[in-house]
C-alpha cells in the first residue's frame, strides 16, 4: 500500500490517500493505459516472477512467460488490509483498489474479486475506491459494502450507454463516474444521473501523451452534474484549460473545482 498522487483519492480527513494492488494486470486493452506501460518497463521483471496468474483467458503461450500485464494475484497484499485494521483503526484511510488492474475486468477470476471485497467489508473504518471499465460485472457483487465507493470509467458516448443499465442497477452507497480520459462530447440528461444514483463526477484529460478535451465537453458534464446537485472533481490534468474555462464561464479567475461527496 502506497501514498498516491491521484488527486481524487482522499482519506476521510481530506489528506492524500493510498493505492492498493492485490491484483495487477488487465485485459481491457485500453490504448492509453499508463499501468500497462509501467508493467512493461519498470515492473516487468517483478511481475513476470509472479506465477499466480489468471486461468480465465488462457492464450496459446504461458502468460507468465511473455506478458507482465496479464492478470496476477498477490495474496500477500491482501493481508495488508488485515494488518491495517490491527494498527490503523484511529486513522481511517481512503484507498484506491487496483490502480494497476481492474478488479472487475476481463480475465480477473470472480474468486479474486470476492476475496478482496471480503477484506474490504471487514476493514469498515476505511474508504475504498473501486473503479472499472467493465461495469456490466458489478451487478454480480451488488450490493457493495457501505465503505466501498463504486465507479465506472466513461470516455465516450458509446461507453456511456453500453452498460448504463447494469451500472444503474448496481447498489452502492456512493456511485460515481470518472470521465477520464474524456475523448469526446458525452451527452446525457441531469435527471438520468440523479435517477441512477450517481453521487460524484470526476473529469480528466488523457496524459502521456496529453490529449486535452474541448472546453465545451467539460462544461456539458459540469452543467448536467450541477443541475442534478452532484459534486464535480476536475483533475489537475485540466489545468491547461483554466484560461479557456475562465473565458467560457465569464470569470476573471478560475480554480479547478475539486469537490467530494458528503
Protein backbone atom coordinates (compact mmCIF):
# COMPACT_ATOMS: atom_id res chain seq x y z
CA UNK A 1 0.00 0.00 0.00
CA UNK A 2 1.47 3.33 -1.07
CA UNK A 3 0.63 7.01 -0.89
CA UNK A 4 -0.78 8.18 -4.19
CA UNK A 5 -0.68 11.40 -6.18
CA UNK A 6 -4.08 10.66 -7.75
CA UNK A 7 -5.90 13.81 -6.66
CA UNK A 8 -9.36 12.39 -6.06
CA UNK A 9 -8.13 9.56 -3.83
CA UNK A 10 -8.62 11.20 -0.45
CA UNK A 11 -8.57 10.00 3.13
CA UNK A 12 -11.76 10.83 5.05
CA UNK A 13 -9.93 13.77 6.67
CA UNK A 14 -9.18 15.27 3.23
CA UNK A 15 -5.49 14.36 3.08
CA UNK A 16 -4.00 12.38 0.22
CA UNK A 17 -4.95 8.70 0.11
CA UNK A 18 -3.38 5.42 -0.94
CA UNK A 19 -3.29 2.82 -3.70
CA UNK A 20 -3.60 -0.91 -3.02
CA UNK A 21 -2.81 -3.52 -5.67
CA UNK A 22 -3.61 -7.11 -4.66
CA UNK A 23 -4.23 -7.76 -8.36
CA UNK A 24 -2.11 -6.45 -11.22
CA UNK A 25 -2.60 -6.67 -14.95
CA UNK A 26 -5.62 -6.20 -17.16
CA UNK A 27 -7.02 -7.46 -20.47
CA UNK A 28 -9.30 -4.50 -21.20
CA UNK A 29 -6.82 -3.39 -23.87
CA UNK A 30 -7.05 0.41 -23.50
CA UNK A 31 -4.60 2.17 -25.81
CA UNK A 32 -3.88 4.95 -23.31
CA UNK A 33 -3.24 2.66 -20.29
CA UNK A 34 -0.44 4.03 -18.08
CA UNK A 35 -0.42 0.87 -15.92
CA UNK A 36 0.44 -1.34 -18.88
CA UNK A 37 3.34 0.95 -19.76
CA UNK A 38 4.69 0.68 -16.21
CA UNK A 39 4.26 -3.10 -16.19
CA UNK A 40 6.21 -3.47 -19.41
CA UNK A 41 9.05 -1.24 -18.23
CA UNK A 42 9.93 -0.68 -14.58
CA UNK A 43 7.84 -3.53 -13.15
CA UNK A 44 8.35 -6.15 -15.84
CA UNK A 45 10.85 -8.39 -14.05
CA UNK A 46 8.88 -8.37 -10.80
CA UNK A 47 5.54 -9.11 -12.45
CA UNK A 48 6.88 -11.95 -14.61
CA UNK A 49 8.28 -13.60 -11.48
CA UNK A 50 4.75 -13.99 -10.07
CA UNK A 51 3.20 -17.21 -11.37
CA UNK A 52 -0.18 -16.70 -9.71
CA UNK A 53 -1.80 -15.66 -12.96
CA UNK A 54 -5.40 -15.90 -14.08
CA UNK A 55 -6.55 -19.01 -15.93
CA UNK A 56 -9.77 -17.34 -17.09
CA UNK A 57 -8.45 -16.38 -20.52
CA UNK A 58 -5.57 -18.67 -21.45
CA UNK A 59 -3.79 -17.90 -24.70
CA UNK A 60 -1.54 -20.16 -26.76
CA UNK A 61 1.55 -19.46 -24.68
CA UNK A 62 2.24 -19.41 -20.98
CA UNK A 63 1.16 -15.85 -19.98
CA UNK A 64 3.83 -15.64 -17.29
CA UNK A 65 6.50 -16.13 -19.93
CA UNK A 66 5.59 -13.22 -22.16
CA UNK A 67 3.07 -10.75 -20.73
CA UNK A 68 3.82 -8.91 -17.47
CA UNK A 69 0.40 -7.24 -17.66
CA UNK A 70 -1.55 -10.50 -17.65
CA UNK A 71 -3.81 -10.57 -14.53
CA UNK A 72 -1.90 -11.78 -11.49
CA UNK A 73 -2.85 -12.19 -7.84
CA UNK A 74 -0.65 -11.06 -4.95
CA UNK A 75 -2.06 -12.76 -1.80
CA UNK A 76 0.50 -11.11 0.47
CA UNK A 77 -1.01 -7.76 -0.49
CA UNK A 78 -4.46 -8.88 0.63
CA UNK A 79 -3.04 -9.49 4.09
CA UNK A 80 -2.11 -5.81 4.30
CA UNK A 81 -5.74 -4.95 4.97
CA UNK A 82 -5.86 -7.25 7.99
CA UNK A 83 -2.72 -5.63 9.33
CA UNK A 84 -4.14 -2.18 8.62
CA UNK A 85 -7.20 -2.98 10.69
CA UNK A 86 -4.97 -4.10 13.54
CA UNK A 87 -2.80 -0.96 13.72
CA UNK A 88 -4.76 1.74 11.92
CA UNK A 89 -8.21 1.99 13.48
CA UNK A 90 -7.64 5.58 14.65
CA UNK A 91 -6.62 6.82 11.22
CA UNK A 92 -9.18 5.90 8.56
CA UNK A 93 -7.73 5.83 5.06
CA UNK A 94 -9.03 6.34 1.56
CA UNK A 95 -7.71 3.53 -0.62
CA UNK A 96 -7.91 3.14 -4.41
CA UNK A 97 -8.09 -0.60 -5.07
CA UNK A 98 -6.33 -1.99 -8.17
CA UNK A 99 -4.88 1.14 -9.73
CA UNK A 100 -2.67 -1.30 -11.70
CA UNK A 101 -5.57 -3.51 -12.76
CA UNK A 102 -9.37 -3.67 -12.91
CA UNK A 103 -10.96 -5.53 -10.01
CA UNK A 104 -13.94 -6.36 -12.24
CA UNK A 105 -12.01 -6.60 -15.51
CA UNK A 106 -11.73 -9.15 -18.28
CA UNK A 107 -9.84 -12.25 -17.19
CA UNK A 108 -9.96 -11.49 -13.45
CA UNK A 109 -11.43 -14.55 -11.66
CA UNK A 110 -14.52 -13.84 -9.60
CA UNK A 111 -12.94 -15.60 -6.61
CA UNK A 112 -10.15 -12.99 -6.56
CA UNK A 113 -12.69 -10.19 -6.59
CA UNK A 114 -14.74 -11.88 -3.88
CA UNK A 115 -11.66 -12.29 -1.68
CA UNK A 116 -10.82 -8.59 -1.94
CA UNK A 117 -14.41 -7.49 -1.31
CA UNK A 118 -14.48 -9.70 1.78
CA UNK A 119 -11.40 -7.91 3.14
CA UNK A 120 -12.91 -4.53 2.25
CA UNK A 121 -16.08 -5.30 4.16
CA UNK A 122 -14.05 -6.25 7.25
CA UNK A 123 -11.99 -3.05 7.03
CA UNK A 124 -15.12 -1.00 7.62
CA UNK A 125 -13.48 2.15 9.03
CA UNK A 126 -11.60 2.73 5.77
CA UNK A 127 -12.95 4.08 2.47
CA UNK A 128 -12.26 2.09 -0.69
CA UNK A 129 -12.47 3.47 -4.23
CA UNK A 130 -13.40 0.82 -6.82
CA UNK A 131 -13.25 1.91 -10.47
CA UNK A 132 -13.92 -0.27 -13.51
CA UNK A 133 -14.22 -0.16 -17.28
CA UNK A 134 -16.40 -3.29 -17.14
CA UNK A 135 -19.49 -2.09 -15.20
CA UNK A 136 -21.57 -4.99 -16.52
CA UNK A 137 -19.71 -7.17 -13.99
CA UNK A 138 -20.58 -5.03 -10.96
CA UNK A 139 -24.09 -6.41 -10.63
CA UNK A 140 -22.64 -9.84 -9.73
CA UNK A 141 -21.24 -8.38 -6.50
CA UNK A 142 -24.02 -5.93 -5.66
CA UNK A 143 -24.90 -4.69 -3.09
CA UNK A 144 -21.49 -3.36 -2.10
CA UNK A 145 -20.33 -2.61 1.45
CA UNK A 146 -21.08 0.95 2.60
CA UNK A 147 -17.35 1.76 2.74
CA UNK A 148 -16.91 0.99 -0.98
CA UNK A 149 -17.28 3.86 -3.46
CA UNK A 150 -18.05 2.22 -6.80
CA UNK A 151 -17.30 3.94 -10.10
CA UNK A 152 -17.43 3.45 -13.85
CA UNK A 153 -14.94 4.93 -16.33
CA UNK A 154 -16.59 6.62 -19.32
CA UNK A 155 -14.55 8.07 -22.19
CA UNK A 156 -17.13 8.41 -24.98
CA UNK A 157 -20.84 8.47 -25.76
CA UNK A 158 -20.74 4.78 -26.67
CA UNK A 159 -19.12 3.77 -23.38
CA UNK A 160 -21.73 5.84 -21.53
CA UNK A 161 -24.69 3.94 -22.98
CA UNK A 162 -23.13 0.49 -23.43
CA UNK A 163 -23.60 -0.81 -19.89
CA UNK A 164 -25.52 2.02 -18.26
CA UNK A 165 -28.48 -0.14 -17.25
CA UNK A 166 -26.22 -2.54 -15.36
CA UNK A 167 -24.45 0.33 -13.61
CA UNK A 168 -27.75 1.97 -12.71
CA UNK A 169 -28.92 -1.26 -11.05
CA UNK A 170 -25.71 -1.63 -9.05
CA UNK A 171 -26.26 -0.81 -5.38
CA UNK A 172 -23.58 1.15 -3.52
CA UNK A 173 -23.71 3.98 -1.00
CA UNK A 174 -21.57 6.16 -3.30
CA UNK A 175 -21.63 5.56 -7.05
CA UNK A 176 -19.51 7.76 -9.29
CA UNK A 177 -18.45 8.31 -12.89
CA UNK A 178 -14.90 9.03 -13.98
CA UNK A 179 -14.79 10.78 -17.36
CA UNK A 180 -11.07 10.15 -17.78
CA UNK A 181 -9.77 10.44 -20.34
CA UNK A 182 -12.64 12.47 -21.79
CA UNK A 183 -12.19 11.82 -25.52
CA UNK A 184 -15.39 13.26 -26.98
CA UNK A 185 -18.63 15.00 -26.14
CA UNK A 186 -20.83 12.87 -23.87
CA UNK A 187 -24.45 14.00 -23.78
CA UNK A 188 -26.98 12.95 -21.16
CA UNK A 189 -29.79 14.34 -19.05
CA UNK A 190 -29.14 15.50 -15.49
CA UNK A 191 -32.16 13.52 -14.31
CA UNK A 192 -30.59 10.42 -15.80
CA UNK A 193 -27.64 10.87 -13.46
CA UNK A 194 -29.77 11.54 -10.41
CA UNK A 195 -32.24 8.73 -11.06
CA UNK A 196 -29.35 6.28 -11.45
CA UNK A 197 -27.99 7.11 -8.02
CA UNK A 198 -24.81 8.87 -9.14
CA UNK A 199 -23.25 10.84 -6.27
CA UNK A 200 -19.98 12.10 -7.79
CA UNK A 201 -18.43 13.01 -11.15
CA UNK A 202 -14.71 13.15 -11.99
CA UNK A 203 -13.36 14.68 -15.22
CA UNK A 204 -9.79 14.44 -16.51
CA UNK A 205 -7.65 14.64 -19.64
CA UNK A 206 -5.57 11.93 -21.26
CA UNK A 207 -1.93 12.14 -20.16
CA UNK A 208 1.29 10.73 -21.64
CA UNK A 209 0.59 11.71 -24.37
CA UNK A 210 -1.58 14.62 -23.35
CA UNK A 211 -4.86 14.97 -25.23
CA UNK A 212 -6.96 17.82 -23.87
CA UNK A 213 -10.76 17.62 -24.12
CA UNK A 214 -12.65 20.56 -25.58
CA UNK A 215 -13.90 23.04 -23.03
CA UNK A 216 -17.45 22.55 -24.31
CA UNK A 217 -17.27 18.84 -23.46
CA UNK A 218 -16.21 19.59 -19.90
CA UNK A 219 -18.88 22.24 -19.49
CA UNK A 220 -21.67 19.92 -20.71
CA UNK A 221 -20.86 17.43 -17.97
CA UNK A 222 -20.40 20.07 -15.27
CA UNK A 223 -23.74 21.70 -16.11
CA UNK A 224 -25.58 18.36 -16.03
CA UNK A 225 -23.98 17.47 -12.70
CA UNK A 226 -24.84 20.88 -11.24
CA UNK A 227 -28.48 20.53 -12.26
CA UNK A 228 -28.57 17.14 -10.54
CA UNK A 229 -26.82 18.50 -7.42
CA UNK A 230 -23.85 16.18 -7.91
CA UNK A 231 -20.34 17.24 -6.79
CA UNK A 232 -17.70 17.61 -9.51
CA UNK A 233 -13.97 16.89 -9.28
CA UNK A 234 -11.86 18.40 -12.08
CA UNK A 235 -8.45 16.76 -12.18
CA UNK A 236 -5.23 18.76 -12.31
CA UNK A 237 -4.70 17.47 -15.85
CA UNK A 238 -7.31 20.06 -16.91
CA UNK A 239 -5.18 22.97 -15.69
CA UNK A 240 -4.11 23.87 -19.27
CA UNK A 241 -7.79 24.66 -19.91
CA UNK A 242 -8.02 27.04 -16.94
CA UNK A 243 -7.79 30.23 -19.00
CA UNK A 244 -10.30 28.94 -21.55
CA UNK A 245 -12.63 27.83 -18.77
CA UNK A 246 -12.45 31.30 -17.21
CA UNK A 247 -13.34 32.93 -20.53
CA UNK A 248 -16.05 30.41 -21.30
CA UNK A 249 -17.68 30.95 -17.92
CA UNK A 250 -17.26 34.72 -17.99
CA UNK A 251 -14.97 34.76 -14.97
CA UNK A 252 -11.72 36.63 -14.45
CA UNK A 253 -10.18 33.86 -12.36
CA UNK A 254 -10.74 30.14 -12.16
CA UNK A 255 -9.89 27.41 -9.72
CA UNK A 256 -10.49 23.82 -10.66
CA UNK A 257 -13.46 22.52 -8.72
CA UNK A 258 -12.37 19.52 -6.69
CA UNK A 259 -15.47 18.57 -4.74
CA UNK A 260 -16.06 15.37 -2.80
CA UNK A 261 -19.36 13.70 -1.88
CA UNK A 262 -20.58 14.48 1.62
